[in-house]
C-alpha atoms as a PDB file:
ATOM      1  CA  UNK A   1     106.431 100.520 120.980  1.00  0.00           C
ATOM      2  CA  UNK A   2     103.541 101.257 123.350  1.00  0.00           C
ATOM      3  CA  UNK A   3     103.723 103.851 126.101  1.00  0.00           C
ATOM      4  CA  UNK A   4     105.398 101.388 128.465  1.00  0.00           C
ATOM      5  CA  UNK A   5     107.606  98.354 127.986  1.00  0.00           C
ATOM      6  CA  UNK A   6     105.729  95.310 129.224  1.00  0.00           C
ATOM      7  CA  UNK A   7     106.296  91.641 129.844  1.00  0.00           C
ATOM      8  CA  UNK A   8     105.265  90.925 126.248  1.00  0.00           C
ATOM      9  CA  UNK A   9     107.475  93.530 124.525  1.00  0.00           C
ATOM     10  CA  UNK A  10     109.495  92.042 121.678  1.00  0.00           C
ATOM     11  CA  UNK A  11     113.174  92.957 121.528  1.00  0.00           C
ATOM     12  CA  UNK A  12     114.953  94.128 118.392  1.00  0.00           C
ATOM     13  CA  UNK A  13     118.462  95.498 118.381  1.00  0.00           C
ATOM     14  CA  UNK A  14     121.535  96.827 116.632  1.00  0.00           C
ATOM     15  CA  UNK A  15     124.857  95.022 117.062  1.00  0.00           C
ATOM     16  CA  UNK A  16     128.156  96.581 116.047  1.00  0.00           C
ATOM     17  CA  UNK A  17     131.008  98.783 117.143  1.00  0.00           C
ATOM     18  CA  UNK A  18     130.767 101.703 117.421  1.00  0.00           C
ATOM     19  CA  UNK A  19     126.986 102.161 117.691  1.00  0.00           C
ATOM     20  CA  UNK A  20     126.541 105.158 119.976  1.00  0.00           C
ATOM     21  CA  UNK A  21     126.140 107.463 116.963  1.00  0.00           C
ATOM     22  CA  UNK A  22     123.339 105.418 115.392  1.00  0.00           C
ATOM     23  CA  UNK A  23     119.886 106.900 114.899  1.00  0.00           C
ATOM     24  CA  UNK A  24     118.396 103.452 114.283  1.00  0.00           C
ATOM     25  CA  UNK A  25     117.012 103.138 117.840  1.00  0.00           C
ATOM     26  CA  UNK A  26     115.193 106.460 117.589  1.00  0.00           C
ATOM     27  CA  UNK A  27     113.902 105.637 114.104  1.00  0.00           C
ATOM     28  CA  UNK A  28     112.578 102.171 114.910  1.00  0.00           C
ATOM     29  CA  UNK A  29     111.154 103.042 118.315  1.00  0.00           C
ATOM     30  CA  UNK A  30     109.245 105.964 116.842  1.00  0.00           C
ATOM     31  CA  UNK A  31     107.895 103.714 114.079  1.00  0.00           C
ATOM     32  CA  UNK A  32     106.783 101.170 116.685  1.00  0.00           C
ATOM     33  CA  UNK A  33     105.067 103.958 118.630  1.00  0.00           C
ATOM     34  CA  UNK A  34     103.288 105.357 115.578  1.00  0.00           C
ATOM     35  CA  UNK A  35     101.884 101.938 114.693  1.00  0.00           C
ATOM     36  CA  UNK A  36     101.149 100.906 118.274  1.00  0.00           C
ATOM     37  CA  UNK A  37     103.452  97.876 118.108  1.00  0.00           C
ATOM     38  CA  UNK A  38     104.749  96.271 121.304  1.00  0.00           C
ATOM     39  CA  UNK A  39     108.402  96.234 120.258  1.00  0.00           C
ATOM     40  CA  UNK A  40     111.573  97.961 121.494  1.00  0.00           C
ATOM     41  CA  UNK A  41     114.886  98.560 119.712  1.00  0.00           C
ATOM     42  CA  UNK A  42     118.209  98.913 121.553  1.00  0.00           C
ATOM     43  CA  UNK A  43     121.811  99.362 120.438  1.00  0.00           C
ATOM     44  CA  UNK A  44     124.592  97.168 121.822  1.00  0.00           C
ATOM     45  CA  UNK A  45     128.313  97.734 121.322  1.00  0.00           C
ATOM     46  CA  UNK A  46     129.471  94.305 120.139  1.00  0.00           C
ATOM     47  CA  UNK A  47     132.902  93.553 118.720  1.00  0.00           C
ATOM     48  CA  UNK A  48     134.100  90.609 116.675  1.00  0.00           C
ATOM     49  CA  UNK A  49     135.411  89.066 119.913  1.00  0.00           C
ATOM     50  CA  UNK A  50     132.045  89.274 121.690  1.00  0.00           C
ATOM     51  CA  UNK A  51     129.843  88.606 118.653  1.00  0.00           C
ATOM     52  CA  UNK A  52     129.186  84.901 119.254  1.00  0.00           C
ATOM     53  CA  UNK A  53     128.184  85.391 122.894  1.00  0.00           C
ATOM     54  CA  UNK A  54     125.942  88.326 121.988  1.00  0.00           C
ATOM     55  CA  UNK A  55     124.054  86.317 119.367  1.00  0.00           C
ATOM     56  CA  UNK A  56     123.699  83.370 121.750  1.00  0.00           C
ATOM     57  CA  UNK A  57     122.265  85.764 124.325  1.00  0.00           C
ATOM     58  CA  UNK A  58     119.734  87.255 121.911  1.00  0.00           C
ATOM     59  CA  UNK A  59     118.562  83.784 120.911  1.00  0.00           C
ATOM     60  CA  UNK A  60     118.234  82.780 124.563  1.00  0.00           C
ATOM     61  CA  UNK A  61     116.235  85.963 125.270  1.00  0.00           C
ATOM     62  CA  UNK A  62     113.894  85.293 122.361  1.00  0.00           C
ATOM     63  CA  UNK A  63     114.710  88.527 120.514  1.00  0.00           C
ATOM     64  CA  UNK A  64     112.501  89.014 117.457  1.00  0.00           C
ATOM     65  CA  UNK A  65     115.472  90.054 115.349  1.00  0.00           C
ATOM     66  CA  UNK A  66     118.370  92.434 115.008  1.00  0.00           C
ATOM     67  CA  UNK A  67     120.545  94.479 112.702  1.00  0.00           C
ATOM     68  CA  UNK A  68     124.298  94.086 112.329  1.00  0.00           C
ATOM     69  CA  UNK A  69     126.607  96.895 111.330  1.00  0.00           C
ATOM     70  CA  UNK A  70     130.386  97.116 110.968  1.00  0.00           C
ATOM     71  CA  UNK A  71     132.354  94.968 111.657  1.00  0.00           C
ATOM     72  CA  UNK A  72     129.874  92.106 112.079  1.00  0.00           C
ATOM     73  CA  UNK A  73     128.022  91.690 108.775  1.00  0.00           C
ATOM     74  CA  UNK A  74     130.214  88.942 107.351  1.00  0.00           C
ATOM     75  CA  UNK A  75     130.308  87.114 110.691  1.00  0.00           C
ATOM     76  CA  UNK A  76     126.515  87.171 110.776  1.00  0.00           C
ATOM     77  CA  UNK A  77     126.459  85.729 107.254  1.00  0.00           C
ATOM     78  CA  UNK A  78     128.463  82.765 108.551  1.00  0.00           C
ATOM     79  CA  UNK A  79     126.245  82.375 111.620  1.00  0.00           C
ATOM     80  CA  UNK A  80     122.788  82.567 109.968  1.00  0.00           C
ATOM     81  CA  UNK A  81     120.920  79.303 109.441  1.00  0.00           C
ATOM     82  CA  UNK A  82     119.002  80.385 106.322  1.00  0.00           C
ATOM     83  CA  UNK A  83     120.068  83.099 103.854  1.00  0.00           C
ATOM     84  CA  UNK A  84     118.032  85.195 101.435  1.00  0.00           C
ATOM     85  CA  UNK A  85     119.096  85.387  97.784  1.00  0.00           C
ATOM     86  CA  UNK A  86     120.510  88.875  98.399  1.00  0.00           C
ATOM     87  CA  UNK A  87     122.503  87.715 101.411  1.00  0.00           C
ATOM     88  CA  UNK A  88     123.884  84.804  99.397  1.00  0.00           C
ATOM     89  CA  UNK A  89     125.116  87.183  96.690  1.00  0.00           C
ATOM     90  CA  UNK A  90     126.588  89.730  99.088  1.00  0.00           C
ATOM     91  CA  UNK A  91     128.309  87.427 101.544  1.00  0.00           C
ATOM     92  CA  UNK A  92     127.032  89.596 104.394  1.00  0.00           C
ATOM     93  CA  UNK A  93     123.970  89.930 106.599  1.00  0.00           C
ATOM     94  CA  UNK A  94     122.694  93.127 108.180  1.00  0.00           C
ATOM     95  CA  UNK A  95     119.207  91.967 109.204  1.00  0.00           C
ATOM     96  CA  UNK A  96     118.249  88.839 111.132  1.00  0.00           C
ATOM     97  CA  UNK A  97     114.810  87.421 111.899  1.00  0.00           C
ATOM     98  CA  UNK A  98     114.793  84.966 114.798  1.00  0.00           C
ATOM     99  CA  UNK A  99     112.149  82.279 114.298  1.00  0.00           C
ATOM    100  CA  UNK A 100     112.263  80.031 117.350  1.00  0.00           C
ATOM    101  CA  UNK A 101     116.047  79.924 117.300  1.00  0.00           C
ATOM    102  CA  UNK A 102     116.368  79.545 113.532  1.00  0.00           C
ATOM    103  CA  UNK A 103     118.171  82.636 112.221  1.00  0.00           C
ATOM    104  CA  UNK A 104     117.055  83.976 108.851  1.00  0.00           C
ATOM    105  CA  UNK A 105     119.692  86.310 107.431  1.00  0.00           C
ATOM    106  CA  UNK A 106     118.976  89.028 104.887  1.00  0.00           C
ATOM    107  CA  UNK A 107     120.795  92.074 103.580  1.00  0.00           C
ATOM    108  CA  UNK A 108     118.808  95.265 103.153  1.00  0.00           C
ATOM    109  CA  UNK A 109     121.794  97.617 102.716  1.00  0.00           C
ATOM    110  CA  UNK A 110     121.937  97.386  98.939  1.00  0.00           C
ATOM    111  CA  UNK A 111     118.207  97.989  98.627  1.00  0.00           C
ATOM    112  CA  UNK A 112     118.517 100.966 100.968  1.00  0.00           C
ATOM    113  CA  UNK A 113     121.370 102.513  99.021  1.00  0.00           C
ATOM    114  CA  UNK A 114     119.729 102.074  95.623  1.00  0.00           C
ATOM    115  CA  UNK A 115     116.561 103.651  97.003  1.00  0.00           C
ATOM    116  CA  UNK A 116     118.640 106.568  98.318  1.00  0.00           C
ATOM    117  CA  UNK A 117     120.068 107.046  94.811  1.00  0.00           C
ATOM    118  CA  UNK A 118     116.507 107.275  93.485  1.00  0.00           C
ATOM    119  CA  UNK A 119     115.673 109.819  96.203  1.00  0.00           C
ATOM    120  CA  UNK A 120     118.609 111.872  94.912  1.00  0.00           C
ATOM    121  CA  UNK A 121     117.156 111.755  91.390  1.00  0.00           C
ATOM    122  CA  UNK A 122     119.684 109.236  90.054  1.00  0.00           C
ATOM    123  CA  UNK A 123     118.870 106.297  87.793  1.00  0.00           C
ATOM    124  CA  UNK A 124     121.774 103.842  87.723  1.00  0.00           C
ATOM    125  CA  UNK A 125     120.398 101.161  85.379  1.00  0.00           C
ATOM    126  CA  UNK A 126     122.603 100.873  82.314  1.00  0.00           C
ATOM    127  CA  UNK A 127     125.269 103.108  83.862  1.00  0.00           C
ATOM    128  CA  UNK A 128     128.794 102.612  85.175  1.00  0.00           C
ATOM    129  CA  UNK A 129     129.654 102.965  88.867  1.00  0.00           C
ATOM    130  CA  UNK A 130     132.884 103.254  90.820  1.00  0.00           C
ATOM    131  CA  UNK A 131     132.837 101.759  94.329  1.00  0.00           C
ATOM    132  CA  UNK A 132     135.466 102.303  97.028  1.00  0.00           C
ATOM    133  CA  UNK A 133     135.713  99.502  99.583  1.00  0.00           C
ATOM    134  CA  UNK A 134     135.174  95.763  99.821  1.00  0.00           C
ATOM    135  CA  UNK A 135     133.385  95.246 103.136  1.00  0.00           C
ATOM    136  CA  UNK A 136     129.809  94.230 103.805  1.00  0.00           C
ATOM    137  CA  UNK A 137     128.287  97.541 102.697  1.00  0.00           C
ATOM    138  CA  UNK A 138     130.235  97.477  99.437  1.00  0.00           C
ATOM    139  CA  UNK A 139     129.231  93.883  98.732  1.00  0.00           C
ATOM    140  CA  UNK A 140     125.548  94.600  99.305  1.00  0.00           C
ATOM    141  CA  UNK A 141     125.554  97.709  97.102  1.00  0.00           C
ATOM    142  CA  UNK A 142     127.410  95.926  94.308  1.00  0.00           C
ATOM    143  CA  UNK A 143     125.035  92.958  94.362  1.00  0.00           C
ATOM    144  CA  UNK A 144     121.880  95.068  94.416  1.00  0.00           C
ATOM    145  CA  UNK A 145     123.192  97.413  91.724  1.00  0.00           C
ATOM    146  CA  UNK A 146     123.949  94.428  89.505  1.00  0.00           C
ATOM    147  CA  UNK A 147     120.463  93.028  90.120  1.00  0.00           C
ATOM    148  CA  UNK A 148     118.990  96.441  89.294  1.00  0.00           C
ATOM    149  CA  UNK A 149     120.611  96.489  85.869  1.00  0.00           C
ATOM    150  CA  UNK A 150     123.759  98.573  86.364  1.00  0.00           C
ATOM    151  CA  UNK A 151     125.983  98.009  83.328  1.00  0.00           C
ATOM    152  CA  UNK A 152     129.439  97.994  84.950  1.00  0.00           C
ATOM    153  CA  UNK A 153     131.035  98.431  88.383  1.00  0.00           C
ATOM    154  CA  UNK A 154     134.693  99.195  89.095  1.00  0.00           C
ATOM    155  CA  UNK A 155     135.594  98.111  92.637  1.00  0.00           C
ATOM    156  CA  UNK A 156     138.672  99.618  94.298  1.00  0.00           C
ATOM    157  CA  UNK A 157     139.979  98.063  97.508  1.00  0.00           C
ATOM    158  CA  UNK A 158     143.167  97.360  99.405  1.00  0.00           C
ATOM    159  CA  UNK A 159     144.558  94.254  97.742  1.00  0.00           C
ATOM    160  CA  UNK A 160     145.929  92.556 100.845  1.00  0.00           C
ATOM    161  CA  UNK A 161     142.782  92.841 102.957  1.00  0.00           C
ATOM    162  CA  UNK A 162     140.689  89.817 103.905  1.00  0.00           C
ATOM    163  CA  UNK A 163     137.530  91.549 102.665  1.00  0.00           C
ATOM    164  CA  UNK A 164     139.060  91.959  99.209  1.00  0.00           C
ATOM    165  CA  UNK A 165     139.654  88.221  98.982  1.00  0.00           C
ATOM    166  CA  UNK A 166     136.031  87.640  99.956  1.00  0.00           C
ATOM    167  CA  UNK A 167     134.613  90.125  97.475  1.00  0.00           C
ATOM    168  CA  UNK A 168     136.626  88.485  94.695  1.00  0.00           C
ATOM    169  CA  UNK A 169     134.685  85.294  95.391  1.00  0.00           C
ATOM    170  CA  UNK A 170     131.377  87.141  95.600  1.00  0.00           C
ATOM    171  CA  UNK A 171     132.089  88.947  92.335  1.00  0.00           C
ATOM    172  CA  UNK A 172     132.323  85.605  90.568  1.00  0.00           C
ATOM    173  CA  UNK A 173     128.903  84.635  91.918  1.00  0.00           C
ATOM    174  CA  UNK A 174     127.364  87.986  90.938  1.00  0.00           C
ATOM    175  CA  UNK A 175     128.810  87.651  87.425  1.00  0.00           C
ATOM    176  CA  UNK A 176     127.178  84.228  87.125  1.00  0.00           C
ATOM    177  CA  UNK A 177     123.769  85.549  88.201  1.00  0.00           C
ATOM    178  CA  UNK A 178     123.634  88.934  86.405  1.00  0.00           C
ATOM    179  CA  UNK A 179     124.813  90.658  83.226  1.00  0.00           C
ATOM    180  CA  UNK A 180     126.794  93.287  85.143  1.00  0.00           C
ATOM    181  CA  UNK A 181     130.502  93.683  84.345  1.00  0.00           C
ATOM    182  CA  UNK A 182     132.554  93.690  87.550  1.00  0.00           C
ATOM    183  CA  UNK A 183     136.172  94.847  87.651  1.00  0.00           C
ATOM    184  CA  UNK A 184     138.386  94.665  90.755  1.00  0.00           C
ATOM    185  CA  UNK A 185     141.323  97.033  91.106  1.00  0.00           C
ATOM    186  CA  UNK A 186     143.929  98.016  93.666  1.00  0.00           C
ATOM    187  CA  UNK A 187     142.956 101.177  95.543  1.00  0.00           C
ATOM    188  CA  UNK A 188     146.566 102.308  95.267  1.00  0.00           C
ATOM    189  CA  UNK A 189     146.346 102.375  91.463  1.00  0.00           C
ATOM    190  CA  UNK A 190     145.607 106.073  91.088  1.00  0.00           C
ATOM    191  CA  UNK A 191     145.894 106.008  87.294  1.00  0.00           C
ATOM    192  CA  UNK A 192     143.221 103.330  87.016  1.00  0.00           C
ATOM    193  CA  UNK A 193     141.045 105.090  89.601  1.00  0.00           C
ATOM    194  CA  UNK A 194     141.260 108.375  87.713  1.00  0.00           C
ATOM    195  CA  UNK A 195     140.297 106.658  84.454  1.00  0.00           C
ATOM    196  CA  UNK A 196     137.362 104.931  86.132  1.00  0.00           C
ATOM    197  CA  UNK A 197     136.067 108.222  87.528  1.00  0.00           C
ATOM    198  CA  UNK A 198     136.281 109.808  84.083  1.00  0.00           C
ATOM    199  CA  UNK A 199     133.856 107.190  82.758  1.00  0.00           C
ATOM    200  CA  UNK A 200     131.552 106.689  85.760  1.00  0.00           C
ATOM    201  CA  UNK A 201     128.056 107.958  86.396  1.00  0.00           C
ATOM    202  CA  UNK A 202     128.479 107.821  90.183  1.00  0.00           C
ATOM    203  CA  UNK A 203     131.287 107.374  92.714  1.00  0.00           C
ATOM    204  CA  UNK A 204     130.282 105.544  95.898  1.00  0.00           C
ATOM    205  CA  UNK A 205     132.372 105.424  99.048  1.00  0.00           C
ATOM    206  CA  UNK A 206     131.242 102.141 100.628  1.00  0.00           C
ATOM    207  CA  UNK A 207     134.077 102.073 103.172  1.00  0.00           C
ATOM    208  CA  UNK A 208     134.220 103.487 106.701  1.00  0.00           C
ATOM    209  CA  UNK A 209     136.929 105.999 105.711  1.00  0.00           C
ATOM    210  CA  UNK A 210     135.738 109.449 106.716  1.00  0.00           C
ATOM    211  CA  UNK A 211     133.440 108.300 109.519  1.00  0.00           C
ATOM    212  CA  UNK A 212     133.584 110.107 112.853  1.00  0.00           C
ATOM    213  CA  UNK A 213     135.872 110.589 114.638  1.00  0.00           C
ATOM    214  CA  UNK A 214     138.376 110.422 111.727  1.00  0.00           C
ATOM    215  CA  UNK A 215     136.386 112.933 109.692  1.00  0.00           C
ATOM    216  CA  UNK A 216     139.336 114.311 107.722  1.00  0.00           C
ATOM    217  CA  UNK A 217     140.099 110.990 106.036  1.00  0.00           C
ATOM    218  CA  UNK A 218     139.322 110.573 102.323  1.00  0.00           C
ATOM    219  CA  UNK A 219     140.190 107.908  99.741  1.00  0.00           C
ATOM    220  CA  UNK A 220     140.283 110.371  96.834  1.00  0.00           C
ATOM    221  CA  UNK A 221     143.682 112.082  96.964  1.00  0.00           C
ATOM    222  CA  UNK A 222     143.059 114.842  94.438  1.00  0.00           C
ATOM    223  CA  UNK A 223     139.890 116.890  93.929  1.00  0.00           C
ATOM    224  CA  UNK A 224     140.691 117.233  90.229  1.00  0.00           C
ATOM    225  CA  UNK A 225     139.749 113.562  89.823  1.00  0.00           C
ATOM    226  CA  UNK A 226     136.095 114.518  90.394  1.00  0.00           C
ATOM    227  CA  UNK A 227     134.496 116.051  87.308  1.00  0.00           C
ATOM    228  CA  UNK A 228     131.482 118.329  87.707  1.00  0.00           C
ATOM    229  CA  UNK A 229     128.900 115.947  86.227  1.00  0.00           C
ATOM    230  CA  UNK A 230     129.947 113.009  88.438  1.00  0.00           C
ATOM    231  CA  UNK A 231     127.475 112.128  91.211  1.00  0.00           C
ATOM    232  CA  UNK A 232     129.149 111.241  94.522  1.00  0.00           C
ATOM    233  CA  UNK A 233     127.554 109.190  97.291  1.00  0.00           C
ATOM    234  CA  UNK A 234     128.817 108.101 100.693  1.00  0.00           C
ATOM    235  CA  UNK A 235     127.380 105.354 102.911  1.00  0.00           C
ATOM    236  CA  UNK A 236     128.512 107.367 105.947  1.00  0.00           C
ATOM    237  CA  UNK A 237     126.015 109.672 107.655  1.00  0.00           C
ATOM    238  CA  UNK A 238     128.122 110.724 110.653  1.00  0.00           C
ATOM    239  CA  UNK A 239     129.255 113.311 109.740  1.00  0.00           C
ATOM    240  CA  UNK A 240     126.538 114.152 107.248  1.00  0.00           C
ATOM    241  CA  UNK A 241     129.137 115.805 105.029  1.00  0.00           C
ATOM    242  CA  UNK A 242     132.288 113.713 104.895  1.00  0.00           C
ATOM    243  CA  UNK A 243     135.594 115.005 103.601  1.00  0.00           C
ATOM    244  CA  UNK A 244     134.814 113.254 100.307  1.00  0.00           C
ATOM    245  CA  UNK A 245     131.402 114.909  99.971  1.00  0.00           C
ATOM    246  CA  UNK A 246     132.861 118.295 100.882  1.00  0.00           C
ATOM    247  CA  UNK A 247     135.526 117.881  98.214  1.00  0.00           C
ATOM    248  CA  UNK A 248     132.914 116.812  95.672  1.00  0.00           C
ATOM    249  CA  UNK A 249     130.640 119.776  96.448  1.00  0.00           C
ATOM    250  CA  UNK A 250     133.586 122.117  95.947  1.00  0.00           C
ATOM    251  CA  UNK A 251     133.991 120.584  92.488  1.00  0.00           C
ATOM    252  CA  UNK A 252     130.321 121.144  91.695  1.00  0.00           C
ATOM    253  CA  UNK A 253     129.249 117.492  91.953  1.00  0.00           C
ATOM    254  CA  UNK A 254     125.807 116.417  93.092  1.00  0.00           C
ATOM    255  CA  UNK A 255     126.312 114.618  96.427  1.00  0.00           C
ATOM    256  CA  UNK A 256     124.300 112.479  98.837  1.00  0.00           C
ATOM    257  CA  UNK A 257     125.134 110.740 102.110  1.00  0.00           C
ATOM    258  CA  UNK A 258     124.070 107.528 103.828  1.00  0.00           C
ATOM    259  CA  UNK A 259     121.056 108.901 105.695  1.00  0.00           C
ATOM    260  CA  UNK A 260     118.408 107.749 103.232  1.00  0.00           C
ATOM    261  CA  UNK A 261     120.206 104.431 102.822  1.00  0.00           C
ATOM    262  CA  UNK A 262     119.723 104.004 106.571  1.00  0.00           C
ATOM    263  CA  UNK A 263     116.056 104.974 106.274  1.00  0.00           C
ATOM    264  CA  UNK A 264     115.228 102.565 103.465  1.00  0.00           C
ATOM    265  CA  UNK A 265     117.266  99.608 104.712  1.00  0.00           C
ATOM    266  CA  UNK A 266     115.627 100.116 108.098  1.00  0.00           C
ATOM    267  CA  UNK A 267     112.179 100.165 106.533  1.00  0.00           C
ATOM    268  CA  UNK A 268     112.805  96.795 104.906  1.00  0.00           C
ATOM    269  CA  UNK A 269     114.142  95.338 108.181  1.00  0.00           C
ATOM    270  CA  UNK A 270     111.080  96.698 109.982  1.00  0.00           C
ATOM    271  CA  UNK A 271     108.811  94.882 107.535  1.00  0.00           C
ATOM    272  CA  UNK A 272     110.748  91.629 107.989  1.00  0.00           C
ATOM    273  CA  UNK A 273     110.362  91.780 111.794  1.00  0.00           C
ATOM    274  CA  UNK A 274     106.786  93.051 112.098  1.00  0.00           C
ATOM    275  CA  UNK A 275     105.064  92.239 108.802  1.00  0.00           C
ATOM    276  CA  UNK A 276     104.017  95.906 108.580  1.00  0.00           C
ATOM    277  CA  UNK A 277     105.294  98.841 106.560  1.00  0.00           C
ATOM    278  CA  UNK A 278     107.277 101.488 108.410  1.00  0.00           C
ATOM    279  CA  UNK A 279     105.624 104.930 108.185  1.00  0.00           C
ATOM    280  CA  UNK A 280     108.552 106.132 106.078  1.00  0.00           C
ATOM    281  CA  UNK A 281     107.418 109.681 105.386  1.00  0.00           C
ATOM    282  CA  UNK A 282     106.776 110.416 109.075  1.00  0.00           C
ATOM    283  CA  UNK A 283     110.157 108.957 110.010  1.00  0.00           C
ATOM    284  CA  UNK A 284     111.876 110.863 107.191  1.00  0.00           C
ATOM    285  CA  UNK A 285     110.359 114.150 108.343  1.00  0.00           C
ATOM    286  CA  UNK A 286     111.299 113.654 111.993  1.00  0.00           C
ATOM    287  CA  UNK A 287     114.818 112.223 111.702  1.00  0.00           C
ATOM    288  CA  UNK A 288     116.192 112.762 108.203  1.00  0.00           C
ATOM    289  CA  UNK A 289     115.814 116.428 107.408  1.00  0.00           C
END
C-alpha cells in the first residue's frame, strides 16, 4: 500500500467471524507498503448468514481478492467458480482471486501449516500424525500432509457433526490421489486417541477449541496422554499458548502455534493476488516474534 489510499487502490480483505483478533491486515498492509503496491487489506466480520451478500458486494466493488476464515471456508468452496487442485482435495477455500467476476478458489492453509512444521524443525514425510478436528483447517492440513508424503493420519472428530460427514467424503478423494493412510475416529473414543498418540510423530489441533475467549478449553483430557517426544502443534495463535500447548510444554513436548502457518499461508495468498513474493523475513521480524 502506498502512503495514501487512492482512486486506483485495489481492495483485498478477510471475511470471517470473529476477525477482530486477526493480524492479517497488519501483515498484508505492511507487505504492500514495503513493495510499494497500491493495495489495501481490511477485515470484515461476516457470518454464514451474511456470507452471500458480502461476496456479492466484493464482486460488485471489484475487489482483487480475499481470504476466508472460520466459519466460511466450506461455503467459499461451494461459491467459487474455479478450484485449484488443493481446494478440490480439501473441500474448503481460504483464498480467492477475483478475475472480472470469476472467482478462483485456492487453499493455502495446508501449505502454511506444513511450512510452519518445517520452521519448527519437523519433517513429517513418512511419519504418522494425529489431527483433532474436521473443519476447513483440518481438511487443508490433511490434504497437504498427504501430498507431502506423510505415511498415515488419524483424524479425530465429533461423529455427528456436518463437517465430519464432509471430511469422510474428502478422505476418500485424498486416498484415491495419494498413498497416505487415513483413519477417521470418534473424538470421544479416548482409548483409540491414546493409542494414536502413542504412535504419532505429531499431534495437531486443527479445531477452534482453545481459541480466545474460551482459552481454557482443550480436547486432550489427560496430560499423561502426551509423551515427551511427541511434537504438538496448534492452528490457533490467539492465545499464542493455548491450554493444549501449555499442557504439552509441561510434559516436555516440543510445541508450536499457528503464527507461522498464518505467515506462510498469507505469503502464498499475497503471491496469488499480486504476482509478487511477500517480503517474508521482514514481516516475520515485525509481527511474528
